[in-house]
Amino acid sequence: MDEAVRTWLLAQLGPGTDTTDLEARYTRLGAARAVALEVLAERRAGLLAEPLRLSVDGVMTVDNSGNLTGLERQMAAVGIAVAPDETEAGGDNRVPVVVVAPLRTARGRR
């Protein structure tokens, strides 16, 4: 992985992302877009593994649905962005786009 790919990945995933982990993923997957989508998919799965909204009346409310929406938008943006290790000429060598569907909560009866 060269410096341009590393810089692009950190721009997509945040500067606090472990570059050693990114190097290992890039070696395994061979494409910057695939690395970015895999990391974002893992972050999304982590959010979905826990309740998106938790409320204790009068004490606190934690709502991660905005974080989920942001991750899904970021995955869509990475899906159409051109990574530095992709060539625009000579065909399309991009990784298939991950399709993300928004989740909606069921309305309960009162």
Protein backbone atom coordinates (compact mmCIF):
# COMPACT_ATOMS: atom_id res chain seq x y z
CA MET A 1 0.00 0.00 0.00
CA ASP A 2 1.49 3.33 -1.03
CA GLU A 3 1.12 6.72 0.64
CA ALA A 4 -1.68 7.88 -1.68
CA VAL A 5 -3.83 4.84 -0.82
CA ARG A 6 -3.09 5.20 2.91
CA THR A 7 -4.02 8.91 2.83
CA TRP A 8 -7.25 8.17 0.92
CA LEU A 9 -8.24 5.43 3.36
CA LEU A 10 -7.60 7.66 6.37
CA ALA A 11 -9.66 10.41 4.72
CA GLN A 12 -12.55 7.96 4.26
CA LEU A 13 -12.28 6.21 7.63
CA GLY A 14 -10.90 8.87 9.96
CA PRO A 15 -7.38 9.70 11.12
CA GLY A 16 -7.67 7.48 14.19
CA THR A 17 -7.95 4.30 12.11
CA ASP A 18 -5.19 1.76 12.76
CA THR A 19 -2.87 1.87 9.74
CA THR A 20 -1.41 -1.57 10.56
CA ASP A 21 -4.93 -3.02 10.26
CA LEU A 22 -5.45 -1.16 6.99
CA GLU A 23 -2.16 -2.56 5.62
CA ALA A 24 -3.19 -6.12 6.49
CA ARG A 25 -6.62 -5.68 4.92
CA TYR A 26 -5.11 -4.12 1.79
CA THR A 27 -2.72 -7.06 1.43
CA ARG A 28 -5.64 -9.49 1.77
CA LEU A 29 -8.20 -7.63 -0.38
CA GLY A 30 -5.93 -5.87 -2.89
CA ALA A 31 -8.09 -2.74 -3.35
CA ALA A 32 -8.52 0.44 -1.32
CA ARG A 33 -12.28 0.59 -1.96
CA ALA A 34 -12.71 -2.97 -0.67
CA VAL A 35 -10.76 -2.10 2.48
CA ALA A 36 -12.86 1.01 3.14
CA LEU A 37 -16.14 -0.83 2.55
CA GLU A 38 -15.10 -3.71 4.80
CA VAL A 39 -14.17 -1.38 7.68
CA LEU A 40 -17.41 0.60 7.28
CA ALA A 41 -19.45 -2.61 7.11
CA GLU A 42 -17.87 -3.80 10.36
CA ARG A 43 -18.68 -0.47 12.02
CA ARG A 44 -22.26 -0.73 10.76
CA ALA A 45 -22.56 -4.31 12.03
CA GLY A 46 -21.32 -3.17 15.44
CA LEU A 47 -24.08 -0.57 15.61
CA LEU A 48 -26.72 -3.06 14.51
CA ALA A 49 -25.60 -5.59 17.12
CA GLU A 50 -26.82 -3.26 19.87
CA PRO A 51 -30.13 -1.43 20.26
CA LEU A 52 -30.08 1.75 18.18
CA ARG A 53 -32.08 3.68 20.74
CA LEU A 54 -32.06 3.33 24.49
CA SER A 55 -34.12 5.52 26.76
CA VAL A 56 -34.41 5.64 30.53
CA ASP A 57 -37.31 7.97 31.39
CA GLY A 58 -36.09 11.18 32.93
CA VAL A 59 -32.48 10.02 33.10
CA MET A 60 -30.95 9.59 29.64
CA THR A 61 -31.52 8.78 26.02
CA VAL A 62 -28.95 7.32 23.64
CA ASP A 63 -29.86 7.31 19.96
CA ASN A 64 -27.40 5.86 17.43
CA SER A 65 -29.75 5.90 14.44
CA GLY A 66 -28.05 9.04 13.11
CA ASN A 67 -24.69 7.26 13.28
CA LEU A 68 -26.14 4.34 11.32
CA THR A 69 -27.52 6.69 8.67
CA GLY A 70 -24.15 8.43 8.43
CA LEU A 71 -22.31 5.13 7.96
CA GLU A 72 -24.73 4.06 5.24
CA ARG A 73 -24.25 7.36 3.41
CA GLN A 74 -20.49 7.05 3.74
CA MET A 75 -20.61 3.51 2.33
CA ALA A 76 -22.60 4.79 -0.64
CA ALA A 77 -20.09 7.62 -1.18
CA VAL A 78 -17.13 5.23 -1.05
CA GLY A 79 -18.97 3.01 -3.53
CA ILE A 80 -18.90 5.75 -6.19
CA ALA A 81 -15.59 7.45 -5.32
CA VAL A 82 -12.47 6.72 -7.33
CA ALA A 83 -9.73 5.31 -5.12
CA PRO A 84 -6.10 6.12 -5.94
CA ASP A 85 -5.33 2.49 -6.84
CA GLU A 86 -8.05 2.38 -9.50
CA THR A 87 -7.51 3.33 -13.10
CA GLU A 88 -10.14 5.30 -14.95
CA ALA A 89 -8.86 4.15 -18.34
CA GLY A 90 -8.78 0.55 -19.41
CA GLY A 91 -11.99 -0.69 -17.91
CA ASP A 92 -13.79 -0.73 -14.63
CA ASN A 93 -11.86 -2.58 -11.95
CA ARG A 94 -13.95 -1.39 -9.03
CA VAL A 95 -15.28 -3.65 -6.31
CA PRO A 96 -19.06 -4.23 -6.55
CA VAL A 97 -21.10 -1.63 -4.68
CA VAL A 98 -22.61 -2.72 -1.38
CA VAL A 99 -26.37 -2.16 -1.37
CA VAL A 100 -27.63 -0.68 1.89
CA ALA A 101 -31.30 -0.54 2.84
CA PRO A 102 -32.54 1.81 5.56
CA LEU A 103 -34.06 0.15 8.61
CA ARG A 104 -37.28 1.49 10.05
CA THR A 105 -38.68 0.71 13.44
CA ALA A 106 -42.07 -0.93 13.69
CA ARG A 107 -44.70 1.31 15.21
CA GLY A 108 -46.01 -0.20 18.38
CA ARG A 109 -49.57 0.12 19.62
CA ARG A 110 -50.27 2.02 22.76
